[in-house]
């Protein structure tokens, strides 16, 4: 499949399952991301991989942010679950 076909036919998934990319797969993803356009010259890039308990901690951060930004109770309740939709963020 060529790159254009891949981009035109891709579909987002609301939830992803194990296994998360690792090793060479993850390294390839990072290398591709390094080549994304950076018109604001924000480089160097920093990649933070969040797995396992880290996803729970990230959910807590999302929840605190929702509270501090006066979000609705529904959004506050949903916030901790957001990072749990994939095995790796």
N, C-alpha and C. Protein backbone atom coordinates (compact mmCIF):
# COMPACT_ATOMS: atom_id res chain seq x y z
N UNK A 1 0.85 -1.17 0.00
CA UNK A 1 0.00 0.00 0.00
C UNK A 1 0.90 1.24 0.00
N UNK A 2 0.59 2.18 -0.86
CA UNK A 2 1.39 3.40 -0.90
C UNK A 2 0.92 4.36 0.20
N UNK A 3 1.73 5.36 0.51
CA UNK A 3 1.46 6.28 1.61
C UNK A 3 0.14 7.04 1.43
N UNK A 4 -0.14 7.49 0.22
CA UNK A 4 -1.37 8.25 -0.01
C UNK A 4 -2.60 7.38 0.23
N UNK A 5 -2.59 6.17 -0.27
CA UNK A 5 -3.73 5.26 -0.04
C UNK A 5 -3.91 5.00 1.45
N UNK A 6 -2.81 4.82 2.15
CA UNK A 6 -2.88 4.58 3.59
C UNK A 6 -3.53 5.77 4.30
N UNK A 7 -3.11 6.98 3.96
CA UNK A 7 -3.66 8.17 4.61
C UNK A 7 -5.13 8.39 4.26
N UNK A 8 -5.51 8.09 3.03
CA UNK A 8 -6.89 8.32 2.60
C UNK A 8 -7.87 7.27 3.10
N UNK A 9 -7.36 6.10 3.49
CA UNK A 9 -8.26 5.02 3.92
C UNK A 9 -8.15 4.69 5.40
N UNK A 10 -7.36 5.44 6.14
CA UNK A 10 -7.18 5.15 7.57
C UNK A 10 -8.47 5.39 8.33
N UNK A 11 -8.63 4.68 9.43
CA UNK A 11 -9.80 4.84 10.30
C UNK A 11 -9.33 4.87 11.74
N UNK A 12 -9.88 5.78 12.51
CA UNK A 12 -9.56 5.85 13.93
C UNK A 12 -10.36 4.81 14.68
N UNK A 13 -9.76 4.27 15.72
CA UNK A 13 -10.43 3.31 16.58
C UNK A 13 -10.60 3.93 17.95
N UNK A 14 -11.80 3.83 18.55
CA UNK A 14 -12.02 4.44 19.86
C UNK A 14 -11.26 3.74 20.98
N UNK A 15 -10.98 2.45 20.80
CA UNK A 15 -10.23 1.69 21.81
C UNK A 15 -9.25 0.77 21.09
N UNK A 16 -8.06 0.68 21.66
CA UNK A 16 -7.03 -0.20 21.10
C UNK A 16 -6.74 -1.29 22.11
N UNK A 17 -6.31 -2.45 21.64
CA UNK A 17 -6.03 -3.57 22.53
C UNK A 17 -4.55 -3.93 22.48
N UNK A 18 -4.15 -4.75 23.44
CA UNK A 18 -2.78 -5.26 23.49
C UNK A 18 -2.49 -6.06 22.23
N UNK A 19 -1.28 -6.16 21.82
CA UNK A 19 -0.09 -5.56 22.41
C UNK A 19 0.18 -4.17 21.84
N UNK A 20 0.83 -3.36 22.64
CA UNK A 20 1.29 -2.05 22.17
C UNK A 20 2.56 -2.24 21.36
N UNK A 21 2.89 -1.31 20.49
CA UNK A 21 4.15 -1.42 19.75
C UNK A 21 5.34 -1.43 20.72
N UNK A 22 6.35 -2.17 20.37
CA UNK A 22 7.56 -2.19 21.20
C UNK A 22 8.76 -2.44 20.30
N UNK A 23 9.92 -2.31 20.87
CA UNK A 23 11.15 -2.61 20.15
C UNK A 23 11.27 -1.84 18.85
N UNK A 24 11.53 -2.58 17.77
CA UNK A 24 11.74 -1.97 16.46
C UNK A 24 10.51 -1.24 15.95
N UNK A 25 9.32 -1.79 16.23
CA UNK A 25 8.08 -1.12 15.81
C UNK A 25 7.97 0.27 16.42
N UNK A 26 8.20 0.36 17.73
CA UNK A 26 8.11 1.64 18.42
C UNK A 26 9.20 2.59 17.93
N UNK A 27 10.38 2.09 17.70
CA UNK A 27 11.47 2.92 17.19
C UNK A 27 11.12 3.48 15.81
N UNK A 28 10.52 2.67 14.94
CA UNK A 28 10.10 3.14 13.62
C UNK A 28 9.06 4.25 13.73
N UNK A 29 8.12 4.10 14.67
CA UNK A 29 7.09 5.13 14.88
C UNK A 29 7.75 6.43 15.31
N UNK A 30 8.70 6.36 16.22
CA UNK A 30 9.39 7.56 16.70
C UNK A 30 10.18 8.21 15.58
N UNK A 31 10.86 7.41 14.78
CA UNK A 31 11.65 7.96 13.67
C UNK A 31 10.75 8.66 12.65
N UNK A 32 9.59 8.08 12.38
CA UNK A 32 8.65 8.72 11.45
C UNK A 32 8.13 10.03 12.04
N UNK A 33 7.85 10.04 13.33
CA UNK A 33 7.34 11.26 13.98
C UNK A 33 8.38 12.38 13.96
N UNK A 34 9.65 12.03 14.01
CA UNK A 34 10.71 13.05 13.96
C UNK A 34 10.71 13.81 12.64
N UNK A 35 10.11 13.24 11.63
CA UNK A 35 10.11 13.86 10.31
C UNK A 35 8.84 14.65 10.03
N UNK A 36 7.99 14.80 11.04
CA UNK A 36 6.78 15.62 10.88
C UNK A 36 7.19 17.08 10.70
N UNK A 37 6.45 17.83 9.90
CA UNK A 37 6.78 19.25 9.71
C UNK A 37 6.78 20.00 11.04
N UNK A 38 7.74 20.88 11.20
CA UNK A 38 7.88 21.66 12.43
C UNK A 38 8.10 23.12 12.07
N UNK A 39 7.04 23.76 11.62
CA UNK A 39 7.16 25.14 11.14
C UNK A 39 7.42 26.13 12.27
N UNK A 40 7.15 25.72 13.50
CA UNK A 40 7.40 26.61 14.63
C UNK A 40 8.79 26.39 15.22
N UNK A 41 9.56 25.48 14.63
CA UNK A 41 10.93 25.18 15.08
C UNK A 41 10.96 24.83 16.57
N UNK A 42 10.13 23.89 16.94
CA UNK A 42 10.03 23.49 18.35
C UNK A 42 10.98 22.35 18.71
N UNK A 43 11.79 21.91 17.79
CA UNK A 43 12.70 20.81 18.06
C UNK A 43 13.71 21.21 19.11
N UNK A 44 14.36 20.36 19.85
CA UNK A 44 14.31 18.91 19.70
C UNK A 44 13.03 18.30 20.30
N UNK A 45 12.64 17.20 19.73
CA UNK A 45 11.44 16.49 20.17
C UNK A 45 11.75 15.70 21.42
N UNK A 46 10.72 15.50 22.21
CA UNK A 46 10.82 14.60 23.36
C UNK A 46 9.61 13.68 23.30
N UNK A 47 9.85 12.39 23.32
CA UNK A 47 8.76 11.42 23.30
C UNK A 47 8.61 10.84 24.70
N UNK A 48 7.41 10.86 25.20
CA UNK A 48 7.10 10.27 26.50
C UNK A 48 6.16 9.10 26.24
N UNK A 49 6.59 7.91 26.58
CA UNK A 49 5.79 6.70 26.40
C UNK A 49 5.15 6.38 27.74
N UNK A 50 3.84 6.27 27.73
CA UNK A 50 3.07 6.06 28.95
C UNK A 50 2.37 4.70 28.85
N UNK A 51 2.72 3.79 29.77
CA UNK A 51 2.13 2.44 29.79
C UNK A 51 1.79 2.07 31.23
N UNK A 52 1.07 0.98 31.40
CA UNK A 52 0.81 0.44 32.73
C UNK A 52 0.27 1.46 33.70
N UNK A 53 0.90 1.54 34.90
CA UNK A 53 0.46 2.47 35.94
C UNK A 53 0.58 3.92 35.49
N UNK A 54 1.47 4.19 34.55
CA UNK A 54 1.62 5.54 34.03
C UNK A 54 0.33 6.07 33.42
N UNK A 55 -0.44 5.18 32.82
CA UNK A 55 -1.73 5.60 32.25
C UNK A 55 -2.69 6.03 33.34
N UNK A 56 -2.65 5.34 34.49
CA UNK A 56 -3.49 5.73 35.63
C UNK A 56 -3.07 7.11 36.15
N UNK A 57 -1.77 7.33 36.24
CA UNK A 57 -1.27 8.64 36.70
C UNK A 57 -1.68 9.74 35.73
N UNK A 58 -1.59 9.45 34.45
CA UNK A 58 -2.00 10.43 33.44
C UNK A 58 -3.49 10.73 33.56
N UNK A 59 -4.28 9.70 33.82
CA UNK A 59 -5.71 9.89 34.03
C UNK A 59 -6.00 10.80 35.21
N UNK A 60 -5.22 10.66 36.27
CA UNK A 60 -5.37 11.54 37.43
C UNK A 60 -5.04 12.99 37.08
N UNK A 61 -4.01 13.16 36.26
CA UNK A 61 -3.65 14.51 35.81
C UNK A 61 -4.78 15.10 34.97
N UNK A 62 -5.36 14.30 34.09
CA UNK A 62 -6.49 14.76 33.27
C UNK A 62 -7.67 15.16 34.17
N UNK A 63 -7.93 14.35 35.20
CA UNK A 63 -9.04 14.64 36.10
C UNK A 63 -8.80 15.96 36.85
N UNK A 64 -7.60 16.14 37.38
CA UNK A 64 -7.29 17.38 38.08
C UNK A 64 -7.41 18.59 37.16
N UNK A 65 -6.98 18.44 35.91
CA UNK A 65 -7.10 19.51 34.95
C UNK A 65 -8.56 19.85 34.68
N UNK A 66 -9.39 18.83 34.56
CA UNK A 66 -10.82 19.05 34.31
C UNK A 66 -11.44 19.80 35.49
N UNK A 67 -11.04 19.44 36.70
CA UNK A 67 -11.56 20.12 37.89
C UNK A 67 -11.11 21.58 37.91
N UNK A 68 -9.82 21.79 37.68
CA UNK A 68 -9.27 23.15 37.73
C UNK A 68 -9.82 24.05 36.62
N UNK A 69 -10.26 23.44 35.53
CA UNK A 69 -10.79 24.22 34.41
C UNK A 69 -12.32 24.25 34.40
N UNK A 70 -12.91 23.95 35.55
CA UNK A 70 -14.36 24.04 35.73
C UNK A 70 -15.16 23.29 34.68
N UNK A 71 -14.71 22.09 34.34
CA UNK A 71 -15.44 21.26 33.39
C UNK A 71 -16.67 20.67 34.08
N UNK A 72 -17.57 20.13 33.28
CA UNK A 72 -18.79 19.52 33.84
C UNK A 72 -18.43 18.25 34.61
N UNK A 73 -19.33 17.82 35.47
CA UNK A 73 -19.08 16.60 36.24
C UNK A 73 -18.90 15.40 35.31
N UNK A 74 -19.63 15.38 34.22
CA UNK A 74 -19.50 14.29 33.24
C UNK A 74 -18.08 14.25 32.68
N UNK A 75 -17.52 15.42 32.34
CA UNK A 75 -16.16 15.47 31.80
C UNK A 75 -15.13 15.10 32.87
N UNK A 76 -15.37 15.51 34.10
CA UNK A 76 -14.46 15.16 35.21
C UNK A 76 -14.47 13.65 35.42
N UNK A 77 -15.65 13.04 35.40
CA UNK A 77 -15.77 11.59 35.59
C UNK A 77 -15.11 10.82 34.45
N UNK A 78 -15.16 11.36 33.26
CA UNK A 78 -14.62 10.69 32.07
C UNK A 78 -13.09 10.81 31.99
N UNK A 79 -12.55 11.91 32.48
CA UNK A 79 -11.13 12.22 32.32
C UNK A 79 -10.17 11.10 32.73
N UNK A 80 -10.35 10.44 33.89
CA UNK A 80 -9.38 9.41 34.28
C UNK A 80 -9.38 8.18 33.37
N UNK A 81 -10.46 8.00 32.63
CA UNK A 81 -10.57 6.84 31.76
C UNK A 81 -9.93 7.04 30.39
N UNK A 82 -9.69 8.28 30.01
CA UNK A 82 -9.19 8.57 28.66
C UNK A 82 -7.88 7.85 28.32
N UNK A 83 -6.88 7.83 29.20
CA UNK A 83 -5.64 7.14 28.83
C UNK A 83 -5.76 5.61 28.81
N UNK A 84 -6.84 5.09 29.29
CA UNK A 84 -7.01 3.63 29.38
C UNK A 84 -7.59 3.04 28.10
N UNK A 85 -7.81 3.89 27.08
CA UNK A 85 -8.39 3.41 25.83
C UNK A 85 -7.36 2.73 24.93
N UNK A 86 -6.08 2.79 25.33
CA UNK A 86 -5.02 2.16 24.54
C UNK A 86 -3.98 1.59 25.48
N UNK A 87 -3.26 0.55 25.09
CA UNK A 87 -2.26 -0.03 25.97
C UNK A 87 -1.02 0.84 26.15
N UNK A 88 -0.87 1.84 25.28
CA UNK A 88 0.26 2.76 25.35
C UNK A 88 -0.17 4.10 24.82
N UNK A 89 0.27 5.15 25.50
CA UNK A 89 0.03 6.51 25.05
C UNK A 89 1.39 7.13 24.75
